[in-house]
Amino acid sequence: MSVEHPFAQYVRILGKGKTGSRSLNETEAQQAMGMILRGDVEDVQLGAFLMLLRVKEESHEELAGFVKAARDDISAPAIAVDIDWASYAGKRRQLPWYLLAALALADSGLRVFMHGAAGHTAERIYSEHVLASLGEAAAANWQEVSDKLDQSNFAYLPLAHFSPVLQRMIDLRNQFGLRSPVHTLSRLLNPLSAPYSLQSIFHPAYAENHQRAAALLGQAHAAVFKGEAGEAERKPEAVCKVKMVHNSELSESEWPKLVDGRQEKLETLNIDNLIHAWRDDSVDEYGRLAILGTIAIVIQLRSPELDQQQCLDQAADIWQSRNRTRLSSR
């Protein structure tokens, strides 16, 4: 007699049709992801599982379970960090101004840990490659993360270096033609247990799932918003709704537009412009507002008692006080 594969039960839960299927509960999600991370599933099962989730859209309970399994698998060491900054989308229309915001916050004294994945979508530039061009090379392991944080308050670690299985699942995008739920759960990983988590989404409907999953995971403070291209970068020409978690309490704030009109897609994304902005204040109004707006969201995440104008004023001070010699000239 043939014996059913142990993972088949999780595919069946998701795939029994309109009336028979349901979402996984948190425990089931954790068990299923644990099997995937241990390599206890067949490729055909993995593909079916991920695409059934993609069609259904993952619940916050599923996301929490997936993240718990991933954290158990990662087993990151204890490294002190203030902000966990997820960077998984890449940019194609505008320069990654969020990187300058993150580095300015690091210069202000906050220990910023950024993690992400590169290369999964064509015609985009990614944090890992841009940071290398700026002289902020990615870490290769947790020891290098610790060293970089001690030296400059900033470190970037590619997902491939701390969870190669999750990286492989992200890379399946080219086979599926679709992003999988791994793009979502990776933003919630916070492997170093930072008290403050910054996440961006591309589709506004995902924001509540991120927020509720963060609360389920016991994240002390989290901010989730629709950023430019899906990166954690304030879009100056758009109203920005930020969903937050503060000690299990859920809230939402709305930031008004900083400028009218729509910014046109840049013909080329010239990394030198980031260096000129950092070193010489040679930055257009859009870039300046994207930087300040992003820093302001982080400030309000850390100090919710401040109003938006106070956050923007502090953001301007942080930007002006940055270490202008930090980035490489090219």
C-alpha atoms as a PDB file:
ATOM      1  CA  MET A   1       0.000   0.000   0.000  1.00  0.00           C
ATOM      2  CA  SER A   2       1.125   3.520  -0.709  1.00  0.00           C
ATOM      3  CA  VAL A   3       1.447   5.764   2.343  1.00  0.00           C
ATOM      4  CA  GLU A   4       0.401   9.413   2.287  1.00  0.00           C
ATOM      5  CA  HIS A   5       3.257  11.875   2.685  1.00  0.00           C
ATOM      6  CA  PRO A   6       3.135  13.657   6.098  1.00  0.00           C
ATOM      7  CA  PHE A   7       3.074  17.075   4.421  1.00  0.00           C
ATOM      8  CA  ALA A   8       0.029  16.210   2.298  1.00  0.00           C
ATOM      9  CA  GLN A   9      -2.309  17.157   5.160  1.00  0.00           C
ATOM     10  CA  TYR A  10      -1.248  20.811   4.930  1.00  0.00           C
ATOM     11  CA  VAL A  11      -1.732  20.966   1.175  1.00  0.00           C
ATOM     12  CA  ARG A  12      -5.149  19.363   1.609  1.00  0.00           C
ATOM     13  CA  ILE A  13      -6.248  21.925   4.213  1.00  0.00           C
ATOM     14  CA  LEU A  14      -5.578  24.715   1.726  1.00  0.00           C
ATOM     15  CA  GLY A  15      -6.725  22.982  -1.434  1.00  0.00           C
ATOM     16  CA  LYS A  16     -10.048  21.206  -0.759  1.00  0.00           C
ATOM     17  CA  GLY A  17     -12.064  23.692  -2.771  1.00  0.00           C
ATOM     18  CA  LYS A  18     -14.318  26.636  -1.983  1.00  0.00           C
ATOM     19  CA  THR A  19     -16.292  24.891   0.751  1.00  0.00           C
ATOM     20  CA  GLY A  20     -13.753  22.426   2.108  1.00  0.00           C
ATOM     21  CA  SER A  21     -10.574  24.482   2.336  1.00  0.00           C
ATOM     22  CA  ARG A  22      -9.564  26.808   5.147  1.00  0.00           C
ATOM     23  CA  SER A  23      -6.585  28.699   6.486  1.00  0.00           C
ATOM     24  CA  LEU A  24      -4.028  26.947   8.644  1.00  0.00           C
ATOM     25  CA  ASN A  25      -4.099  27.773  12.314  1.00  0.00           C
ATOM     26  CA  GLU A  26      -0.919  29.121  13.871  1.00  0.00           C
ATOM     27  CA  THR A  27       0.262  25.722  15.111  1.00  0.00           C
ATOM     28  CA  GLU A  28      -0.359  24.054  11.751  1.00  0.00           C
ATOM     29  CA  ALA A  29       1.462  26.852   9.965  1.00  0.00           C
ATOM     30  CA  GLN A  30       4.454  26.497  12.264  1.00  0.00           C
ATOM     31  CA  GLN A  31       4.549  22.743  11.760  1.00  0.00           C
ATOM     32  CA  ALA A  32       4.242  23.046   7.974  1.00  0.00           C
ATOM     33  CA  MET A  33       6.981  25.651   7.684  1.00  0.00           C
ATOM     34  CA  GLY A  34       9.190  23.620  10.001  1.00  0.00           C
ATOM     35  CA  MET A  35       8.927  20.670   7.636  1.00  0.00           C
ATOM     36  CA  ILE A  36       9.771  22.891   4.669  1.00  0.00           C
ATOM     37  CA  LEU A  37      12.819  24.357   6.378  1.00  0.00           C
ATOM     38  CA  ARG A  38      14.080  20.903   7.354  1.00  0.00           C
ATOM     39  CA  GLY A  39      13.732  19.694   3.765  1.00  0.00           C
ATOM     40  CA  ASP A  40      10.998  17.208   4.622  1.00  0.00           C
ATOM     41  CA  VAL A  41       8.761  18.085   1.654  1.00  0.00           C
ATOM     42  CA  GLU A  42       8.861  17.310  -2.053  1.00  0.00           C
ATOM     43  CA  ASP A  43       9.331  20.155  -4.524  1.00  0.00           C
ATOM     44  CA  VAL A  44       5.901  19.540  -6.038  1.00  0.00           C
ATOM     45  CA  GLN A  45       4.341  19.847  -2.570  1.00  0.00           C
ATOM     46  CA  LEU A  46       6.222  23.059  -1.881  1.00  0.00           C
ATOM     47  CA  GLY A  47       5.047  24.608  -5.141  1.00  0.00           C
ATOM     48  CA  ALA A  48       1.441  23.610  -4.535  1.00  0.00           C
ATOM     49  CA  PHE A  49       1.534  24.842  -0.930  1.00  0.00           C
ATOM     50  CA  LEU A  50       2.992  28.239  -1.781  1.00  0.00           C
ATOM     51  CA  MET A  51       0.667  28.908  -4.694  1.00  0.00           C
ATOM     52  CA  LEU A  52      -2.439  27.828  -2.785  1.00  0.00           C
ATOM     53  CA  LEU A  53      -1.437  30.314  -0.111  1.00  0.00           C
ATOM     54  CA  ARG A  54      -0.836  32.962  -2.766  1.00  0.00           C
ATOM     55  CA  VAL A  55      -4.312  32.518  -4.245  1.00  0.00           C
ATOM     56  CA  LYS A  56      -6.023  32.410  -0.834  1.00  0.00           C
ATOM     57  CA  GLU A  57      -3.797  35.149   0.651  1.00  0.00           C
ATOM     58  CA  GLU A  58      -2.134  34.205   3.909  1.00  0.00           C
ATOM     59  CA  SER A  59      -3.778  35.026   7.244  1.00  0.00           C
ATOM     60  CA  HIS A  60      -2.031  36.718  10.125  1.00  0.00           C
ATOM     61  CA  GLU A  61      -2.172  33.439  12.090  1.00  0.00           C
ATOM     62  CA  GLU A  62      -0.405  31.648   9.242  1.00  0.00           C
ATOM     63  CA  LEU A  63       2.222  34.370   9.019  1.00  0.00           C
ATOM     64  CA  ALA A  64       2.889  34.183  12.766  1.00  0.00           C
ATOM     65  CA  GLY A  65       3.280  30.412  12.605  1.00  0.00           C
ATOM     66  CA  PHE A  66       5.602  30.601   9.604  1.00  0.00           C
ATOM     67  CA  VAL A  67       7.775  33.210  11.312  1.00  0.00           C
ATOM     68  CA  LYS A  68       8.022  31.193  14.529  1.00  0.00           C
ATOM     69  CA  ALA A  69       9.269  28.184  12.559  1.00  0.00           C
ATOM     70  CA  ALA A  70      11.750  30.336  10.637  1.00  0.00           C
ATOM     71  CA  ARG A  71      13.101  31.914  13.821  1.00  0.00           C
ATOM     72  CA  ASP A  72      13.603  28.480  15.367  1.00  0.00           C
ATOM     73  CA  ASP A  73      15.508  27.414  12.268  1.00  0.00           C
ATOM     74  CA  ILE A  74      17.628  30.575  12.105  1.00  0.00           C
ATOM     75  CA  SER A  75      18.714  30.485  15.772  1.00  0.00           C
ATOM     76  CA  ALA A  76      20.353  33.899  15.608  1.00  0.00           C
ATOM     77  CA  PRO A  77      22.761  34.879  18.403  1.00  0.00           C
ATOM     78  CA  ALA A  78      22.080  37.602  20.943  1.00  0.00           C
ATOM     79  CA  ILE A  79      23.160  40.879  19.320  1.00  0.00           C
ATOM     80  CA  ALA A  80      21.897  44.201  20.653  1.00  0.00           C
ATOM     81  CA  VAL A  81      19.958  46.142  18.020  1.00  0.00           C
ATOM     82  CA  ASP A  82      17.359  48.920  18.141  1.00  0.00           C
ATOM     83  CA  ILE A  83      15.612  48.729  14.765  1.00  0.00           C
ATOM     84  CA  ASP A  84      14.880  45.777  12.516  1.00  0.00           C
ATOM     85  CA  TRP A  85      14.544  47.082   8.934  1.00  0.00           C
ATOM     86  CA  ALA A  86      13.207  44.636   6.325  1.00  0.00           C
ATOM     87  CA  SER A  87      14.225  45.317   2.705  1.00  0.00           C
ATOM     88  CA  TYR A  88      12.858  42.791   0.216  1.00  0.00           C
ATOM     89  CA  ALA A  89      11.268  44.715  -2.660  1.00  0.00           C
ATOM     90  CA  GLY A  90      13.958  46.613  -4.561  1.00  0.00           C
ATOM     91  CA  LYS A  91      13.481  49.849  -6.501  1.00  0.00           C
ATOM     92  CA  ARG A  92      12.828  50.594 -10.158  1.00  0.00           C
ATOM     93  CA  ARG A  93      11.195  54.052 -10.388  1.00  0.00           C
ATOM     94  CA  GLN A  94      13.138  56.084  -7.826  1.00  0.00           C
ATOM     95  CA  LEU A  95      16.453  55.920  -6.038  1.00  0.00           C
ATOM     96  CA  PRO A  96      16.518  54.067  -2.682  1.00  0.00           C
ATOM     97  CA  TRP A  97      16.403  57.139  -0.461  1.00  0.00           C
ATOM     98  CA  TYR A  98      15.435  54.902   2.487  1.00  0.00           C
ATOM     99  CA  LEU A  99      19.066  53.758   2.674  1.00  0.00           C
ATOM    100  CA  LEU A 100      20.194  57.295   3.468  1.00  0.00           C
ATOM    101  CA  ALA A 101      17.428  57.543   6.074  1.00  0.00           C
ATOM    102  CA  ALA A 102      18.628  54.325   7.714  1.00  0.00           C
ATOM    103  CA  LEU A 103      22.269  55.446   7.734  1.00  0.00           C
ATOM    104  CA  ALA A 104      21.368  58.868   9.158  1.00  0.00           C
ATOM    105  CA  LEU A 105      19.461  57.142  11.966  1.00  0.00           C
ATOM    106  CA  ALA A 106      22.539  54.984  12.579  1.00  0.00           C
ATOM    107  CA  ASP A 107      24.664  58.111  12.793  1.00  0.00           C
ATOM    108  CA  SER A 108      22.206  59.465  15.379  1.00  0.00           C
ATOM    109  CA  GLY A 109      23.104  56.560  17.684  1.00  0.00           C
ATOM    110  CA  LEU A 110      20.518  53.893  16.841  1.00  0.00           C
ATOM    111  CA  ARG A 111      21.710  50.385  16.025  1.00  0.00           C
ATOM    112  CA  VAL A 112      19.988  49.525  12.736  1.00  0.00           C
ATOM    113  CA  PHE A 113      19.913  45.969  11.405  1.00  0.00           C
ATOM    114  CA  MET A 114      18.707  45.584   7.820  1.00  0.00           C
ATOM    115  CA  HIS A 115      18.057  42.280   6.069  1.00  0.00           C
ATOM    116  CA  GLY A 116      16.740  41.478   2.622  1.00  0.00           C
ATOM    117  CA  ALA A 117      16.955  39.565  -0.625  1.00  0.00           C
ATOM    118  CA  ALA A 118      18.279  40.698  -3.991  1.00  0.00           C
ATOM    119  CA  GLY A 119      17.811  39.804  -7.611  1.00  0.00           C
ATOM    120  CA  HIS A 120      14.459  38.036  -7.523  1.00  0.00           C
ATOM    121  CA  THR A 121      12.710  40.580  -9.795  1.00  0.00           C
ATOM    122  CA  ALA A 122      14.173  41.929 -13.032  1.00  0.00           C
ATOM    123  CA  GLU A 123      14.871  45.622 -13.607  1.00  0.00           C
ATOM    124  CA  ARG A 124      15.132  46.488  -9.929  1.00  0.00           C
ATOM    125  CA  ILE A 125      18.048  47.577  -7.784  1.00  0.00           C
ATOM    126  CA  TYR A 126      18.406  46.150  -4.287  1.00  0.00           C
ATOM    127  CA  SER A 127      19.754  47.316  -0.948  1.00  0.00           C
ATOM    128  CA  GLU A 128      22.604  44.804  -0.912  1.00  0.00           C
ATOM    129  CA  HIS A 129      24.099  46.026  -4.187  1.00  0.00           C
ATOM    130  CA  VAL A 130      23.479  49.728  -3.591  1.00  0.00           C
ATOM    131  CA  LEU A 131      24.993  49.599  -0.109  1.00  0.00           C
ATOM    132  CA  ALA A 132      28.108  47.941  -1.533  1.00  0.00           C
ATOM    133  CA  SER A 133      28.420  50.818  -4.014  1.00  0.00           C
ATOM    134  CA  LEU A 134      28.140  53.258  -1.111  1.00  0.00           C
ATOM    135  CA  GLY A 135      30.956  51.550   0.792  1.00  0.00           C
ATOM    136  CA  GLU A 136      28.597  49.758   3.211  1.00  0.00           C
ATOM    137  CA  ALA A 137      29.312  46.153   2.245  1.00  0.00           C
ATOM    138  CA  ALA A 138      26.925  43.457   3.428  1.00  0.00           C
ATOM    139  CA  ALA A 139      27.911  41.214   6.320  1.00  0.00           C
ATOM    140  CA  ALA A 140      28.599  37.564   5.559  1.00  0.00           C
ATOM    141  CA  ASN A 141      27.657  36.123   8.960  1.00  0.00           C
ATOM    142  CA  TRP A 142      26.388  37.048  12.407  1.00  0.00           C
ATOM    143  CA  GLN A 143      29.856  37.886  13.729  1.00  0.00           C
ATOM    144  CA  GLU A 144      30.284  40.467  10.977  1.00  0.00           C
ATOM    145  CA  VAL A 145      26.833  41.855  11.798  1.00  0.00           C
ATOM    146  CA  SER A 146      27.918  42.331  15.405  1.00  0.00           C
ATOM    147  CA  ASP A 147      31.207  43.923  14.368  1.00  0.00           C
ATOM    148  CA  LYS A 148      29.567  46.338  11.930  1.00  0.00           C
ATOM    149  CA  LEU A 149      26.950  47.393  14.460  1.00  0.00           C
ATOM    150  CA  ASP A 150      29.685  48.064  17.021  1.00  0.00           C
ATOM    151  CA  GLN A 151      31.720  50.041  14.485  1.00  0.00           C
ATOM    152  CA  SER A 152      29.041  52.107  12.749  1.00  0.00           C
ATOM    153  CA  ASN A 153      25.583  51.234  14.164  1.00  0.00           C
ATOM    154  CA  PHE A 154      24.488  49.703  10.851  1.00  0.00           C
ATOM    155  CA  ALA A 155      24.636  46.236   9.335  1.00  0.00           C
ATOM    156  CA  TYR A 156      22.979  44.531   6.381  1.00  0.00           C
ATOM    157  CA  LEU A 157      22.785  40.749   6.174  1.00  0.00           C
ATOM    158  CA  PRO A 158      21.377  39.003   3.078  1.00  0.00           C
ATOM    159  CA  LEU A 159      18.650  36.455   3.748  1.00  0.00           C
ATOM    160  CA  ALA A 160      20.738  33.842   1.907  1.00  0.00           C
ATOM    161  CA  HIS A 161      23.347  34.017   4.692  1.00  0.00           C
ATOM    162  CA  PHE A 162      20.980  33.244   7.560  1.00  0.00           C
ATOM    163  CA  SER A 163      18.154  31.305   5.901  1.00  0.00           C
ATOM    164  CA  PRO A 164      19.177  29.793   2.552  1.00  0.00           C
ATOM    165  CA  VAL A 165      15.937  27.800   2.349  1.00  0.00           C
ATOM    166  CA  LEU A 166      13.822  30.956   2.537  1.00  0.00           C
ATOM    167  CA  GLN A 167      16.083  32.554  -0.069  1.00  0.00           C
ATOM    168  CA  ARG A 168      15.545  29.566  -2.361  1.00  0.00           C
ATOM    169  CA  MET A 169      11.794  29.938  -1.937  1.00  0.00           C
ATOM    170  CA  ILE A 170      11.970  33.622  -2.857  1.00  0.00           C
ATOM    171  CA  ASP A 171      14.019  32.734  -5.925  1.00  0.00           C
ATOM    172  CA  LEU A 172      11.162  30.501  -7.124  1.00  0.00           C
ATOM    173  CA  ARG A 173       9.434  33.683  -8.259  1.00  0.00           C
ATOM    174  CA  ASN A 174      10.844  33.232 -11.747  1.00  0.00           C
ATOM    175  CA  GLN A 175       9.384  29.713 -11.925  1.00  0.00           C
ATOM    176  CA  PHE A 176       5.987  30.720 -10.551  1.00  0.00           C
ATOM    177  CA  GLY A 177       5.702  34.088 -12.252  1.00  0.00           C
ATOM    178  CA  LEU A 178       4.325  35.284  -8.904  1.00  0.00           C
ATOM    179  CA  ARG A 179       5.674  36.274  -5.548  1.00  0.00           C
ATOM    180  CA  SER A 180       5.043  33.767  -2.794  1.00  0.00           C
ATOM    181  CA  PRO A 181       4.109  34.296   0.886  1.00  0.00           C
ATOM    182  CA  VAL A 182       7.822  34.108   1.718  1.00  0.00           C
ATOM    183  CA  HIS A 183       8.152  37.742   0.597  1.00  0.00           C
ATOM    184  CA  THR A 184       5.644  38.591   3.321  1.00  0.00           C
ATOM    185  CA  LEU A 185       6.915  36.431   6.175  1.00  0.00           C
ATOM    186  CA  SER A 186      10.532  37.515   5.602  1.00  0.00           C
ATOM    187  CA  ARG A 187       9.589  41.084   6.460  1.00  0.00           C
ATOM    188  CA  LEU A 188       8.376  39.877   9.850  1.00  0.00           C
ATOM    189  CA  LEU A 189      11.425  37.785  10.755  1.00  0.00           C
ATOM    190  CA  ASN A 190      13.191  40.264  13.060  1.00  0.00           C
ATOM    191  CA  PRO A 191      15.831  37.588  13.770  1.00  0.00           C
ATOM    192  CA  LEU A 192      17.677  39.672  16.380  1.00  0.00           C
ATOM    193  CA  SER A 193      14.509  40.520  18.336  1.00  0.00           C
ATOM    194  CA  ALA A 194      14.821  44.271  17.910  1.00  0.00           C
ATOM    195  CA  PRO A 195      12.236  46.152  19.987  1.00  0.00           C
ATOM    196  CA  TYR A 196      11.301  48.276  16.952  1.00  0.00           C
ATOM    197  CA  SER A 197      10.360  46.761  13.596  1.00  0.00           C
ATOM    198  CA  LEU A 198       9.917  48.672  10.324  1.00  0.00           C
ATOM    199  CA  GLN A 199       8.080  46.954   7.483  1.00  0.00           C
ATOM    200  CA  SER A 200       6.731  48.107   4.164  1.00  0.00           C
ATOM    201  CA  ILE A 201       4.191  46.521   1.875  1.00  0.00           C
ATOM    202  CA  PHE A 202       3.275  47.148  -1.762  1.00  0.00           C
ATOM    203  CA  HIS A 203      -0.420  46.235  -1.586  1.00  0.00           C
ATOM    204  CA  PRO A 204      -2.275  48.184   1.144  1.00  0.00           C
ATOM    205  CA  ALA A 205      -4.525  45.189   1.899  1.00  0.00           C
ATOM    206  CA  TYR A 206      -1.521  43.355   3.390  1.00  0.00           C
ATOM    207  CA  ALA A 207      -0.849  46.036   6.005  1.00  0.00           C
ATOM    208  CA  GLU A 208      -3.382  44.770   8.543  1.00  0.00           C
ATOM    209  CA  ASN A 209      -2.077  41.194   8.257  1.00  0.00           C
ATOM    210  CA  HIS A 210       1.462  42.424   8.956  1.00  0.00           C
ATOM    211  CA  GLN A 211       0.257  44.473  11.904  1.00  0.00           C
ATOM    212  CA  ARG A 212      -1.800  41.667  13.445  1.00  0.00           C
ATOM    213  CA  ALA A 213       0.927  39.083  12.839  1.00  0.00           C
ATOM    214  CA  ALA A 214       3.470  41.352  14.546  1.00  0.00           C
ATOM    215  CA  ALA A 215       1.177  41.600  17.551  1.00  0.00           C
ATOM    216  CA  LEU A 216       0.718  37.809  17.648  1.00  0.00           C
ATOM    217  CA  LEU A 217       4.493  37.414  17.580  1.00  0.00           C
ATOM    218  CA  GLY A 218       4.865  39.662  20.602  1.00  0.00           C
ATOM    219  CA  GLN A 219       6.628  42.436  18.697  1.00  0.00           C
ATOM    220  CA  ALA A 220       6.871  45.314  21.166  1.00  0.00           C
ATOM    221  CA  HIS A 221       6.728  48.104  18.585  1.00  0.00           C
ATOM    222  CA  ALA A 222       6.128  47.859  14.835  1.00  0.00           C
ATOM    223  CA  ALA A 223       5.255  50.180  11.964  1.00  0.00           C
ATOM    224  CA  VAL A 224       3.842  48.953   8.655  1.00  0.00           C
ATOM    225  CA  PHE A 225       3.095  51.174   5.676  1.00  0.00           C
ATOM    226  CA  LYS A 226       2.884  51.194   1.889  1.00  0.00           C
ATOM    227  CA  GLY A 227       6.262  52.487   0.816  1.00  0.00           C
ATOM    228  CA  GLU A 228       7.680  53.441  -2.562  1.00  0.00           C
ATOM    229  CA  ALA A 229       7.914  50.218  -4.632  1.00  0.00           C
ATOM    230  CA  GLY A 230       7.319  48.196  -1.469  1.00  0.00           C
ATOM    231  CA  GLU A 231      10.408  49.410   0.386  1.00  0.00           C
ATOM    232  CA  ALA A 232      10.220  51.204   3.740  1.00  0.00           C
ATOM    233  CA  GLU A 233      10.400  54.658   2.193  1.00  0.00           C
ATOM    234  CA  ARG A 234       7.818  57.411   2.563  1.00  0.00           C
ATOM    235  CA  LYS A 235       6.296  58.516  -0.749  1.00  0.00           C
ATOM    236  CA  PRO A 236       6.188  62.328  -0.494  1.00  0.00           C
ATOM    237  CA  GLU A 237       3.427  62.662  -3.117  1.00  0.00           C
ATOM    238  CA  ALA A 238       1.041  60.225  -1.413  1.00  0.00           C
ATOM    239  CA  VAL A 239      -0.991  60.093   1.780  1.00  0.00           C
ATOM    240  CA  CYS A 240       0.757  57.568   4.021  1.00  0.00           C
ATOM    241  CA  LYS A 241      -1.245  55.373   6.377  1.00  0.00           C
ATOM    242  CA  VAL A 242       0.931  53.773   9.047  1.00  0.00           C
ATOM    243  CA  LYS A 243      -0.339  50.825  11.063  1.00  0.00           C
ATOM    244  CA  MET A 244       1.477  50.460  14.370  1.00  0.00           C
ATOM    245  CA  VAL A 245       1.815  48.052  17.255  1.00  0.00           C
ATOM    246  CA  HIS A 246       2.773  49.342  20.703  1.00  0.00           C
ATOM    247  CA  ASN A 247       2.855  46.701  23.438  1.00  0.00           C
ATOM    248  CA  SER A 248       0.004  44.685  21.874  1.00  0.00           C
ATOM    249  CA  GLU A 249      -2.086  47.805  21.191  1.00  0.00           C
ATOM    250  CA  LEU A 250      -2.947  48.337  17.509  1.00  0.00           C
ATOM    251  CA  SER A 251      -3.262  51.827  16.057  1.00  0.00           C
ATOM    252  CA  GLU A 252      -3.196  53.703  12.775  1.00  0.00           C
ATOM    253  CA  SER A 253      -2.008  57.175  11.822  1.00  0.00           C
ATOM    254  CA  GLU A 254      -2.292  59.076   8.566  1.00  0.00           C
ATOM    255  CA  TRP A 255       0.460  61.313   7.248  1.00  0.00           C
ATOM    256  CA  PRO A 256      -0.570  63.893   4.625  1.00  0.00           C
ATOM    257  CA  LYS A 257       1.164  64.447   1.313  1.00  0.00           C
ATOM    258  CA  LEU A 258       4.404  66.382   1.500  1.00  0.00           C
ATOM    259  CA  VAL A 259       4.221  67.537  -2.112  1.00  0.00           C
ATOM    260  CA  ASP A 260       1.566  67.691  -4.847  1.00  0.00           C
ATOM    261  CA  GLY A 261       1.815  65.922  -8.184  1.00  0.00           C
ATOM    262  CA  ARG A 262       3.273  62.564  -9.141  1.00  0.00           C
ATOM    263  CA  GLN A 263       6.997  61.986  -9.505  1.00  0.00           C
ATOM    264  CA  GLU A 264       7.917  60.640 -12.921  1.00  0.00           C
ATOM    265  CA  LYS A 265       9.878  57.414 -13.250  1.00  0.00           C
ATOM    266  CA  LEU A 266      13.596  58.109 -13.545  1.00  0.00           C
ATOM    267  CA  GLU A 267      15.231  57.029 -16.784  1.00  0.00           C
ATOM    268  CA  THR A 268      18.297  55.809 -14.893  1.00  0.00           C
ATOM    269  CA  LEU A 269      18.949  55.184 -11.202  1.00  0.00           C
ATOM    270  CA  ASN A 270      22.321  56.831 -10.676  1.00  0.00           C
ATOM    271  CA  ILE A 271      23.821  55.734  -7.356  1.00  0.00           C
ATOM    272  CA  ASP A 272      26.229  58.685  -7.453  1.00  0.00           C
ATOM    273  CA  ASN A 273      23.233  60.914  -6.738  1.00  0.00           C
ATOM    274  CA  LEU A 274      22.860  59.230  -3.353  1.00  0.00           C
ATOM    275  CA  ILE A 275      26.489  59.980  -2.547  1.00  0.00           C
ATOM    276  CA  HIS A 276      26.129  63.618  -3.629  1.00  0.00           C
ATOM    277  CA  ALA A 277      22.997  63.934  -1.509  1.00  0.00           C
ATOM    278  CA  TRP A 278      24.780  62.514   1.523  1.00  0.00           C
ATOM    279  CA  ARG A 279      28.086  64.323   1.223  1.00  0.00           C
ATOM    280  CA  ASP A 280      27.094  67.658  -0.334  1.00  0.00           C
ATOM    281  CA  ASP A 281      23.337  68.121   0.278  1.00  0.00           C
ATOM    282  CA  SER A 282      22.965  67.946  -3.496  1.00  0.00           C
ATOM    283  CA  VAL A 283      19.497  66.437  -3.472  1.00  0.00           C
ATOM    284  CA  ASP A 284      16.232  67.310  -5.190  1.00  0.00           C
ATOM    285  CA  GLU A 285      13.080  68.087  -3.240  1.00  0.00           C
ATOM    286  CA  TYR A 286      11.581  64.640  -3.772  1.00  0.00           C
ATOM    287  CA  GLY A 287      14.657  62.876  -2.411  1.00  0.00           C
ATOM    288  CA  ARG A 288      14.949  65.209   0.562  1.00  0.00           C
ATOM    289  CA  LEU A 289      11.303  64.741   1.518  1.00  0.00           C
ATOM    290  CA  ALA A 290      11.533  60.958   1.075  1.00  0.00           C
ATOM    291  CA  ILE A 291      14.484  60.868   3.474  1.00  0.00           C
ATOM    292  CA  LEU A 292      12.913  63.154   6.079  1.00  0.00           C
ATOM    293  CA  GLY A 293       9.507  61.498   5.809  1.00  0.00           C
ATOM    294  CA  THR A 294      11.000  58.057   6.363  1.00  0.00           C
ATOM    295  CA  ILE A 295      13.075  59.158   9.349  1.00  0.00           C
ATOM    296  CA  ALA A 296       9.986  60.862  10.810  1.00  0.00           C
ATOM    297  CA  ILE A 297       7.997  57.593  10.746  1.00  0.00           C
ATOM    298  CA  VAL A 298      10.793  55.860  12.668  1.00  0.00           C
ATOM    299  CA  ILE A 299      10.880  58.690  15.206  1.00  0.00           C
ATOM    300  CA  GLN A 300       7.136  58.425  15.819  1.00  0.00           C
ATOM    301  CA  LEU A 301       7.461  54.636  16.110  1.00  0.00           C
ATOM    302  CA  ARG A 302       9.977  55.188  18.906  1.00  0.00           C
ATOM    303  CA  SER A 303       8.247  58.230  20.427  1.00  0.00           C
ATOM    304  CA  PRO A 304       4.493  57.978  19.781  1.00  0.00           C
ATOM    305  CA  GLU A 305       3.818  60.931  22.062  1.00  0.00           C
ATOM    306  CA  LEU A 306       5.341  63.287  19.447  1.00  0.00           C
ATOM    307  CA  ASP A 307       3.108  64.827  16.792  1.00  0.00           C
ATOM    308  CA  GLN A 308       3.983  64.619  13.108  1.00  0.00           C
ATOM    309  CA  GLN A 309       5.553  68.062  12.876  1.00  0.00           C
ATOM    310  CA  GLN A 310       7.777  67.358  15.868  1.00  0.00           C
ATOM    311  CA  CYS A 311       8.864  64.131  14.201  1.00  0.00           C
ATOM    312  CA  LEU A 312       9.671  65.945  10.952  1.00  0.00           C
ATOM    313  CA  ASP A 313      11.628  68.599  12.872  1.00  0.00           C
ATOM    314  CA  GLN A 314      13.667  65.915  14.631  1.00  0.00           C
ATOM    315  CA  ALA A 315      14.161  64.141  11.301  1.00  0.00           C
ATOM    316  CA  ALA A 316      15.636  67.324   9.833  1.00  0.00           C
ATOM    317  CA  ASP A 317      18.037  67.574  12.781  1.00  0.00           C
ATOM    318  CA  ILE A 318      19.112  63.938  12.365  1.00  0.00           C
ATOM    319  CA  TRP A 319      19.679  64.425   8.639  1.00  0.00           C
ATOM    320  CA  GLN A 320      21.747  67.574   9.156  1.00  0.00           C
ATOM    321  CA  SER A 321      23.836  65.904  11.882  1.00  0.00           C
ATOM    322  CA  ARG A 322      24.823  62.861   9.790  1.00  0.00           C
ATOM    323  CA  ASN A 323      28.473  61.918   9.304  1.00  0.00           C
ATOM    324  CA  ARG A 324      29.054  63.314   5.818  1.00  0.00           C
ATOM    325  CA  THR A 325      32.342  61.428   5.411  1.00  0.00           C
ATOM    326  CA  ARG A 326      30.674  58.065   5.975  1.00  0.00           C
ATOM    327  CA  LEU A 327      29.994  57.138   2.346  1.00  0.00           C
ATOM    328  CA  SER A 328      32.579  56.361  -0.330  1.00  0.00           C
ATOM    329  CA  SER A 329      33.116  58.836  -3.144  1.00  0.00           C
ATOM    330  CA  ARG A 330      33.203  57.296  -6.587  1.00  0.00           C
END
